[in-house]
Protein backbone atom coordinates (compact mmCIF):
# COMPACT_ATOMS: atom_id res chain seq x y z
CA MET A 1 -12.04 -39.61 5.28
CA LEU A 2 -11.14 -35.94 5.28
CA LYS A 3 -7.64 -35.67 6.71
CA ASP A 4 -7.39 -31.89 7.08
CA ARG A 5 -10.34 -31.43 9.38
CA THR A 6 -9.81 -29.10 12.34
CA LYS A 7 -12.56 -28.35 14.81
CA PHE A 8 -12.73 -25.09 16.74
CA LYS A 9 -15.21 -25.23 19.61
CA ASN A 10 -15.13 -21.48 20.21
CA SER A 11 -15.47 -18.56 17.84
CA LYS A 12 -11.93 -17.25 18.23
CA ASN A 13 -12.24 -14.88 15.31
CA THR A 14 -15.23 -13.11 16.90
CA VAL A 15 -15.03 -11.00 20.07
CA SER A 16 -17.54 -8.82 21.90
CA SER A 17 -17.24 -5.55 23.74
CA MET A 18 -20.44 -4.56 25.54
CA ALA A 19 -23.12 -4.63 22.78
CA THR A 20 -20.66 -4.36 19.89
CA LYS A 21 -19.39 -7.46 18.09
CA TYR A 22 -16.08 -7.55 16.29
CA VAL A 23 -14.14 -9.83 13.99
CA ILE A 24 -10.37 -9.93 13.58
CA ASP A 25 -9.21 -8.88 10.11
CA CYS A 26 -6.20 -10.16 8.19
CA ALA A 27 -3.81 -7.74 9.91
CA GLY A 28 -5.10 -8.62 13.38
CA ASN A 29 -7.23 -5.49 13.87
CA LYS A 30 -10.65 -5.60 15.54
CA THR A 31 -13.40 -4.61 13.10
CA PRO A 32 -17.00 -4.03 14.24
CA ILE A 33 -19.77 -5.95 12.50
CA GLY A 34 -23.47 -5.25 12.28
CA ASP A 35 -26.42 -7.30 13.44
CA ALA A 36 -28.01 -10.03 11.32
CA LEU A 37 -30.43 -8.76 8.67
CA PHE A 38 -33.38 -10.11 6.65
CA SER A 39 -34.53 -12.60 9.27
CA SER A 40 -37.92 -11.34 10.44
CA LYS A 41 -40.06 -12.88 7.69
CA CYS A 42 -40.34 -16.13 5.77
CA TRP A 43 -37.85 -16.87 2.99
CA VAL A 44 -40.12 -15.23 0.39
CA GLY A 45 -40.32 -11.97 2.31
CA ASN A 46 -36.71 -12.05 3.47
CA SER A 47 -35.35 -12.67 -0.03
CA SER A 48 -37.60 -9.98 -1.53
CA ASP A 49 -36.33 -7.48 1.04
CA TYR A 50 -32.74 -8.55 0.39
CA LEU A 51 -33.00 -8.12 -3.37
CA GLU A 52 -34.68 -4.73 -3.00
CA VAL A 53 -31.81 -3.49 -0.81
CA ASN A 54 -29.09 -5.10 -2.94
CA ASN A 55 -30.59 -4.55 -6.38
CA LYS A 56 -27.67 -2.32 -7.42
CA PHE A 57 -25.31 -5.29 -6.97
CA LEU A 58 -27.08 -7.68 -9.36
CA ILE A 59 -25.22 -8.82 -12.49
CA SER A 60 -27.85 -8.33 -15.19
CA LYS A 61 -26.64 -11.03 -17.57
CA ALA A 62 -26.43 -13.63 -14.80
CA VAL A 63 -29.66 -13.22 -12.81
CA ASN A 64 -31.57 -15.42 -15.25
CA TRP A 65 -29.15 -18.33 -15.15
CA LEU A 66 -31.85 -20.56 -13.68
CA HIS A 67 -29.83 -23.74 -13.18
CA ILE A 68 -28.69 -23.48 -9.56
CA PRO A 69 -25.44 -25.35 -8.90
CA LYS A 70 -24.97 -27.18 -5.65
CA ILE A 71 -21.49 -25.61 -5.46
CA ALA A 72 -20.85 -22.11 -6.85
CA ILE A 73 -17.16 -21.19 -6.99
CA LEU A 74 -15.90 -17.66 -7.64
CA ILE A 75 -12.34 -16.95 -8.86
CA PRO A 76 -11.51 -13.24 -9.31
CA ILE A 77 -8.93 -13.03 -12.13
CA TYR A 78 -8.38 -9.30 -12.75
CA ARG A 79 -4.75 -8.74 -13.87
CA SER A 80 -4.04 -12.44 -13.40
CA GLY A 81 -2.73 -12.95 -16.93
CA THR A 82 -2.66 -16.72 -17.40
CA HIS A 83 -1.70 -17.32 -13.76
CA PHE A 84 -5.26 -18.30 -12.78
CA LEU A 85 -5.15 -21.36 -15.05
CA GLY A 86 -3.20 -23.34 -12.46
CA THR A 87 -5.92 -22.73 -9.87
CA LEU A 88 -8.69 -23.44 -12.36
CA LYS A 89 -7.14 -26.70 -13.53
CA THR A 90 -6.76 -28.01 -9.96
CA LEU A 91 -10.45 -27.23 -9.38
CA ILE A 92 -11.56 -28.93 -12.58
CA SER A 93 -9.51 -32.02 -11.72
CA GLN A 94 -11.08 -32.47 -8.29
CA ASN A 95 -12.92 -35.74 -7.65
CA TRP A 96 -16.40 -34.21 -7.94
CA SER A 97 -19.17 -36.77 -7.41
CA GLN A 98 -21.56 -34.60 -9.48
CA PRO A 99 -19.47 -32.24 -11.63
CA GLN A 100 -22.61 -31.08 -13.45
CA ASN A 101 -23.67 -29.42 -10.18
CA VAL A 102 -20.43 -27.46 -9.81
CA GLU A 103 -20.18 -24.01 -11.37
CA ILE A 104 -16.97 -21.97 -11.58
CA ILE A 105 -17.24 -18.26 -12.35
CA LEU A 106 -14.15 -16.42 -13.54
CA SER A 107 -14.70 -12.78 -12.63
CA ILE A 108 -12.77 -9.84 -14.03
CA ASN A 109 -13.41 -6.61 -12.12
CA GLN A 110 -11.81 -4.13 -14.49
CA PRO A 111 -11.65 -0.63 -12.95
CA LEU A 112 -13.26 2.19 -14.90
CA GLY A 113 -11.10 3.25 -17.84
CA PRO A 114 -9.07 1.48 -20.54
CA ILE A 115 -8.41 -2.24 -20.20
CA ASP A 116 -4.75 -2.88 -19.44
CA ALA A 117 -2.64 -5.43 -21.32
CA LEU A 118 -2.53 -8.00 -18.50
CA THR A 119 -6.31 -8.01 -18.15
CA LYS A 120 -6.63 -8.53 -21.91
CA VAL A 121 -4.46 -11.62 -21.47
CA SER A 122 -6.79 -12.82 -18.67
CA LEU A 123 -9.83 -12.29 -20.89
CA LYS A 124 -8.36 -14.19 -23.80
CA ALA A 125 -7.12 -17.06 -21.62
CA ALA A 126 -10.50 -17.37 -19.90
CA LYS A 127 -12.45 -17.41 -23.17
CA THR A 128 -10.08 -19.95 -24.71
CA TYR A 129 -10.32 -22.24 -21.70
CA ILE A 130 -14.11 -22.02 -21.54
CA GLU A 131 -14.47 -22.89 -25.23
CA ALA A 132 -12.31 -25.97 -24.74
CA ASN A 133 -13.98 -26.98 -21.47
CA ASN A 134 -17.47 -26.74 -22.99
CA LEU A 135 -16.49 -29.46 -25.47
CA MET A 136 -15.72 -31.87 -22.64
CA ASN A 137 -18.18 -34.08 -20.78
CA ASN A 138 -18.54 -34.58 -17.05
CA THR A 139 -16.68 -31.44 -15.94
CA PRO A 140 -17.87 -28.42 -13.95
CA GLN A 141 -19.34 -25.57 -15.97
CA VAL A 142 -17.04 -22.55 -16.28
CA ARG A 143 -18.48 -19.09 -16.91
CA LEU A 144 -16.89 -15.68 -17.43
CA VAL A 145 -18.15 -12.40 -15.96
CA PHE A 146 -16.47 -9.18 -17.09
CA GLU A 147 -17.52 -5.91 -15.49
CA GLN A 148 -16.04 -2.46 -15.05
CA LEU A 149 -16.33 -1.61 -11.38
CA ALA A 150 -15.05 1.07 -9.05
CA GLY A 151 -15.39 -0.95 -5.84
CA GLY A 152 -12.62 -3.53 -6.22
CA LEU A 153 -12.76 -7.07 -4.86
CA ALA A 154 -15.34 -6.32 -2.18
CA GLU A 155 -17.81 -5.26 -4.86
CA VAL A 156 -17.03 -8.40 -6.88
CA TYR A 157 -17.88 -10.60 -3.89
CA GLN A 158 -21.05 -8.69 -3.08
CA ARG A 159 -22.26 -8.73 -6.70
CA SER A 160 -21.50 -12.42 -7.12
CA PHE A 161 -23.29 -13.37 -3.93
CA SER A 162 -26.31 -11.08 -4.43
CA THR A 163 -26.69 -12.40 -7.98
CA LEU A 164 -26.65 -16.00 -6.71
CA VAL A 165 -29.47 -15.10 -4.28
CA ALA A 166 -31.42 -13.55 -7.18
CA ARG A 167 -30.84 -16.66 -9.31
CA ILE A 168 -32.22 -18.87 -6.53
CA CYS A 169 -35.35 -16.74 -6.24
CA ASN A 170 -35.83 -16.54 -10.02
CA SER A 171 -35.35 -20.29 -10.36
CA VAL A 172 -38.05 -20.97 -7.75
CA ASN A 173 -40.40 -18.37 -9.28
CA ALA A 174 -40.00 -20.09 -12.66
CA ARG A 175 -41.52 -23.24 -11.16
CA LYS A 176 -44.81 -21.34 -10.66
CA LEU A 177 -45.59 -23.06 -7.37
CA LYS A 178 -49.13 -22.69 -6.12
CA THR A 179 -48.70 -21.18 -2.67
CA LYS A 180 -46.45 -18.75 -0.83
CA GLN A 181 -45.61 -21.53 1.61
CA GLU A 182 -44.35 -23.75 -1.21
CA ASN A 183 -42.23 -20.87 -2.53
CA ALA A 184 -40.82 -20.18 0.92
CA PHE A 185 -39.92 -23.84 1.42
CA ALA A 186 -38.30 -24.11 -2.02
CA ILE A 187 -36.24 -20.94 -1.58
CA GLY A 188 -35.18 -21.99 1.92
CA ALA A 189 -34.17 -25.44 0.72
CA LEU A 190 -31.90 -23.96 -1.96
CA MET A 191 -30.47 -21.33 0.38
CA GLU A 192 -29.49 -24.06 2.86
CA SER A 193 -28.07 -26.49 0.28
CA THR A 194 -26.22 -24.18 -2.16
CA VAL A 195 -22.56 -23.49 -1.36
CA PHE A 196 -20.93 -20.14 -2.12
CA THR A 197 -17.16 -20.57 -2.47
CA ILE A 198 -14.33 -18.10 -3.08
CA ILE A 199 -10.81 -19.09 -4.07
CA ASP A 200 -7.95 -16.78 -4.99
CA ASP A 201 -6.40 -17.04 -8.44
CA ASP A 202 -2.96 -18.02 -7.12
CA GLN A 203 -3.88 -21.01 -4.96
CA ILE A 204 -3.19 -24.63 -5.80
CA LEU A 205 -5.09 -27.43 -4.06
CA VAL A 206 -2.59 -30.03 -2.83
CA ASP A 207 -4.82 -33.04 -3.59
CA ASN A 208 -7.92 -33.96 -5.58
CA SER A 209 -10.24 -35.06 -2.81
CA SER A 210 -10.14 -32.84 0.30
CA LEU A 211 -12.26 -30.00 -1.10
CA PRO A 212 -15.12 -32.15 -2.49
CA ALA A 213 -15.10 -34.24 0.71
CA ALA A 214 -15.35 -31.14 2.90
CA LEU A 215 -18.07 -29.60 0.72
CA GLU A 216 -20.15 -32.75 1.05
CA GLN A 217 -19.91 -32.48 4.85
CA LEU A 218 -20.76 -28.76 4.93
CA GLN A 219 -24.00 -28.01 6.81
CA ALA A 220 -25.98 -24.80 7.02
CA GLY A 221 -25.53 -23.09 10.37
CA LYS A 222 -22.95 -25.62 11.54
CA SER A 223 -19.77 -25.64 9.47
CA VAL A 224 -17.49 -23.62 7.23
CA ILE A 225 -14.54 -24.27 4.90
CA MET A 226 -11.34 -22.23 4.96
CA GLY A 227 -7.91 -22.58 3.45
CA GLN A 228 -4.86 -23.92 5.26
CA VAL A 229 -2.26 -22.02 3.26
CA GLU A 230 1.43 -22.68 2.77
CA ILE A 231 3.44 -19.96 1.03
CA THR A 232 6.01 -21.44 -1.35
CA LYS A 233 7.46 -18.22 -2.74
CA VAL A 234 7.50 -14.49 -1.99
CA THR A 235 8.46 -11.89 -4.58
CA THR A 236 9.28 -8.34 -3.45
CA SER A 237 11.49 -5.44 -4.54
CA TYR A 238 14.17 -6.74 -2.14
CA PRO A 239 15.00 -10.25 -3.42
CA GLU A 240 17.64 -10.90 -0.74
CA TRP A 241 14.81 -11.04 1.81
CA ASN A 242 12.33 -13.09 -0.24
CA ALA A 243 13.22 -16.58 1.02
CA ILE A 244 13.11 -15.64 4.69
CA LEU A 245 9.90 -13.66 4.17
CA ALA A 246 8.17 -16.81 2.94
CA ASP A 247 9.04 -18.44 6.27
CA VAL A 248 8.07 -15.33 8.25
CA MET A 249 4.65 -15.19 6.58
CA ASN A 250 4.11 -18.93 7.07
CA LEU A 251 4.88 -18.39 10.76
CA PHE A 252 2.40 -15.50 10.81
CA PHE A 253 -0.25 -17.85 9.40
CA LYS A 254 0.57 -20.44 12.09
CA PHE A 255 -0.08 -17.82 14.77
CA LYS A 256 -3.42 -16.95 13.19
CA TYR A 257 -4.47 -20.59 12.77
CA GLU A 258 -3.65 -21.20 16.42
CA HIS A 259 -6.11 -18.45 17.38
CA GLY A 260 -8.69 -19.37 14.75
CA THR A 261 -8.41 -15.96 13.07
CA ALA A 262 -7.04 -17.01 9.66
CA ILE A 263 -9.79 -16.32 7.12
CA LEU A 264 -7.99 -17.48 3.98
CA THR A 265 -9.35 -18.98 0.77
CA PRO A 266 -10.72 -21.33 -0.28
CA ARG A 267 -13.66 -20.09 1.79
CA ALA A 268 -17.06 -21.74 1.59
CA LEU A 269 -20.39 -21.37 3.39
CA MET A 270 -23.97 -22.17 2.61
CA VAL A 271 -25.80 -19.24 1.02
CA SER A 272 -28.17 -19.12 4.01
CA ASP A 273 -25.25 -18.44 6.37
CA LEU A 274 -24.04 -15.40 4.40
CA PHE A 275 -27.51 -14.14 3.51
CA HIS A 276 -28.17 -12.48 6.88
CA GLN A 277 -24.88 -10.56 6.98
CA PRO A 278 -24.77 -6.81 6.30
CA ALA A 279 -23.44 -5.94 2.84
CA LEU A 280 -19.67 -5.81 2.40
CA LYS A 281 -18.20 -2.43 3.24
CA ILE A 282 -16.78 -1.52 -0.13
CA GLY A 283 -13.57 0.44 0.25
CA GLN A 284 -12.76 -0.97 3.70
CA ALA A 285 -9.54 -2.96 4.01
CA TYR A 286 -10.14 -6.73 4.23
CA ALA A 287 -13.91 -6.21 3.87
CA ASP A 288 -14.35 -9.67 2.32
CA GLN A 289 -12.57 -11.35 5.23
CA THR A 290 -14.57 -9.57 7.93
CA TRP A 291 -17.82 -10.33 6.06
CA PHE A 292 -16.95 -14.00 5.86
CA ALA A 293 -15.55 -14.18 9.40
CA ALA A 294 -18.79 -12.80 10.83
CA ALA A 295 -20.81 -15.50 9.06
CA ALA A 296 -18.32 -18.22 10.06
CA ALA A 297 -18.48 -17.45 13.79
CA LYS A 298 -19.20 -20.40 16.10
CA LYS A 299 -19.05 -22.92 13.26
CA GLU A 300 -16.92 -26.02 12.88
CA ARG A 301 -14.07 -25.44 10.43
CA PHE A 302 -12.83 -27.77 7.73
CA LEU A 303 -9.35 -26.69 6.64
CA ILE A 304 -8.28 -27.36 3.05
CA LYS A 305 -4.56 -27.45 2.27
CA VAL A 306 -3.42 -25.18 -0.55
CA THR A 307 -0.14 -23.64 -1.65
CA THR A 308 0.31 -20.11 -2.90
CA THR A 309 2.85 -17.48 -3.83
CA LEU A 310 2.92 -13.83 -2.77
CA GLU A 311 3.65 -11.10 -5.28
CA HIS A 312 3.40 -7.39 -4.55
CA GLU A 313 -0.12 -5.93 -4.75
CA ALA A 314 -1.21 -2.34 -4.19
CA TYR A 315 -4.36 -3.21 -2.21
CA PRO A 316 -4.41 -4.53 1.40
CA SER A 317 -3.38 -8.18 1.31
CA ASN A 318 -0.89 -10.69 2.67
CA ALA A 319 1.33 -9.91 -0.33
CA ASN A 320 1.21 -6.24 0.58
CA MET A 321 2.18 -7.09 4.17
CA ALA A 322 5.16 -9.09 2.90
CA ALA A 323 6.22 -6.19 0.67
CA ASN A 324 6.10 -3.78 3.62
CA LEU A 325 8.08 -6.20 5.75
CA ALA A 326 10.73 -6.48 3.02
CA LYS A 327 11.06 -2.72 2.85
CA PHE A 328 11.30 -2.52 6.65
CA LEU A 329 13.96 -5.23 6.83
CA GLU A 330 15.97 -3.44 4.17
CA SER A 331 15.62 0.15 5.40
CA GLY A 332 13.93 0.24 8.81
CA THR A 333 10.77 1.84 7.42
CA PRO A 334 7.83 1.78 7.52
CA GLU A 335 7.90 1.01 11.24
CA ASN A 336 4.27 -0.10 11.24
CA ALA A 337 5.18 -3.05 8.99
CA ILE A 338 5.65 -5.21 12.09
CA ASN A 339 2.33 -4.19 13.63
CA ILE A 340 0.82 -7.44 12.36
CA PHE A 341 3.02 -9.27 14.87
CA LYS A 342 2.30 -6.78 17.65
CA ASN A 343 -1.41 -7.44 17.10
CA VAL A 344 -0.74 -11.18 17.28
CA GLN A 345 1.20 -10.66 20.51
CA ILE A 346 -1.84 -8.95 22.06
CA ALA A 347 -3.94 -12.00 21.17
CA TYR A 348 -1.43 -14.30 22.89
CA LYS A 349 -1.34 -12.10 25.99
CA GLU A 350 -5.14 -12.14 26.22
CA SER A 351 -5.46 -15.89 25.67
CA SER A 352 -5.94 -18.20 28.63
CA GLU A 353 -5.46 -21.34 26.55
CA LYS A 354 -2.34 -23.48 26.46
CA LEU A 355 -0.99 -22.84 22.98
CA LEU A 356 2.10 -23.90 21.04
CA TYR A 357 3.46 -20.35 20.98
CA SER A 358 3.49 -17.70 23.69
CA ALA A 359 3.57 -13.93 23.95
CA HIS A 360 7.25 -14.29 24.85
CA ASP A 361 7.90 -16.13 21.57
CA ILE A 362 6.26 -13.29 19.65
CA GLU A 363 8.33 -10.75 21.59
CA LYS A 364 11.54 -12.51 20.51
CA LEU A 365 10.37 -12.48 16.91
CA ILE A 366 9.50 -8.77 17.04
CA SER A 367 12.91 -7.98 18.54
CA SER A 368 14.63 -9.97 15.81
CA LEU A 369 12.65 -8.18 13.11
CA GLU A 370 13.53 -4.82 14.64
CA ALA A 371 17.24 -5.76 14.75
CA ARG A 372 17.09 -6.62 11.01
CA ASP A 373 19.89 -9.16 11.40
CA LYS A 374 19.20 -11.58 8.56
CA LYS A 375 21.05 -14.61 9.97
CA ASN A 376 19.60 -14.20 13.45
CA LEU A 377 16.08 -13.79 12.05
CA GLU A 378 16.49 -16.80 9.79
CA ASN A 379 17.62 -19.03 12.68
CA LEU A 380 14.85 -17.85 15.00
CA VAL A 381 12.10 -18.31 12.43
CA GLN A 382 13.29 -21.83 11.59
CA GLN A 383 13.34 -22.73 15.29
CA MET A 384 9.80 -21.41 15.71
CA LEU A 385 8.49 -23.18 12.62
CA GLN A 386 9.94 -26.46 13.88
CA LYS A 387 8.81 -26.02 17.47
CA PRO A 388 7.37 -29.38 18.58
CA LYS A 389 3.82 -29.63 19.86
CA GLN A 390 3.70 -30.11 23.62
């Protein structure tokens, strides 16, 4: 039995305004999404149209990997050093019923230019692990993809997903089926039974069974997997604030889970559910989250417990939010660091549901953050984290 199963009857992470649909990004901002694409023909025509539009995103060395895994897992490991090994080992040690049908891709999206020392460590660690893993029986296959890209993580996700679509089509074409109808059925069957999963390189699954159990229950058009994340450590340039920031960010996640707007990894959907989404907007903050949130709308959610740490990152992320909050608590700037809570407060004001927290609770938290009184903030956050369910 999957213990961490939470059902959301409504699509809380998707809102509409007139004809425009929006999703809520990581920082609580409304982001418009486009209409579904590639849905007017059969699977043969739709997939051909998709690959023509997304041809520039295909990974040339991977498109002819014709064995299609039931579960495809992507771990981006650029500048991870050896840190990703903890995540990888917890994935390998999961209780997979058919490990031969699980594929894990370690992806390094090196920006254009010389390879930095930390990425060289990631490359070496990945190659060493793969060599050792390939000597073992009954474990998921681990592959390495190294590319020099200008588009960051969003491009990694788009290339990985588009390449998986191409692999499915190439695998079916290799069967040399007799009719277009047979091809369409075979492509559709794989699209609706192949899982595309993303997990960050700093996440540790808390047990060995919840993820495989949830993946076995995943159904095309009906359900989605997302991470239920607990932050165990925050590292910023202001160490005196680190411990309390871990609690503040965990509280922030609780607010987002309560509204169904937390789009954290591990994330998993059937390929068919992501296929009809517009391409990721490379260069847009939280593009991967809005892309996934749009596909996850109106689906039952299975939440998988993971732990993680936050270390400062230059790109938009929860770690970046924590770093800005640390700077604000220390110096009073930047003032927009607490906008993530003001956005949450708006969501509480607009909600008609009976929730654990209220807009008044968020107002007290914002006031405490603005006062920058460490002891007061620490006491308030602990009270809010321990607030009993009514």
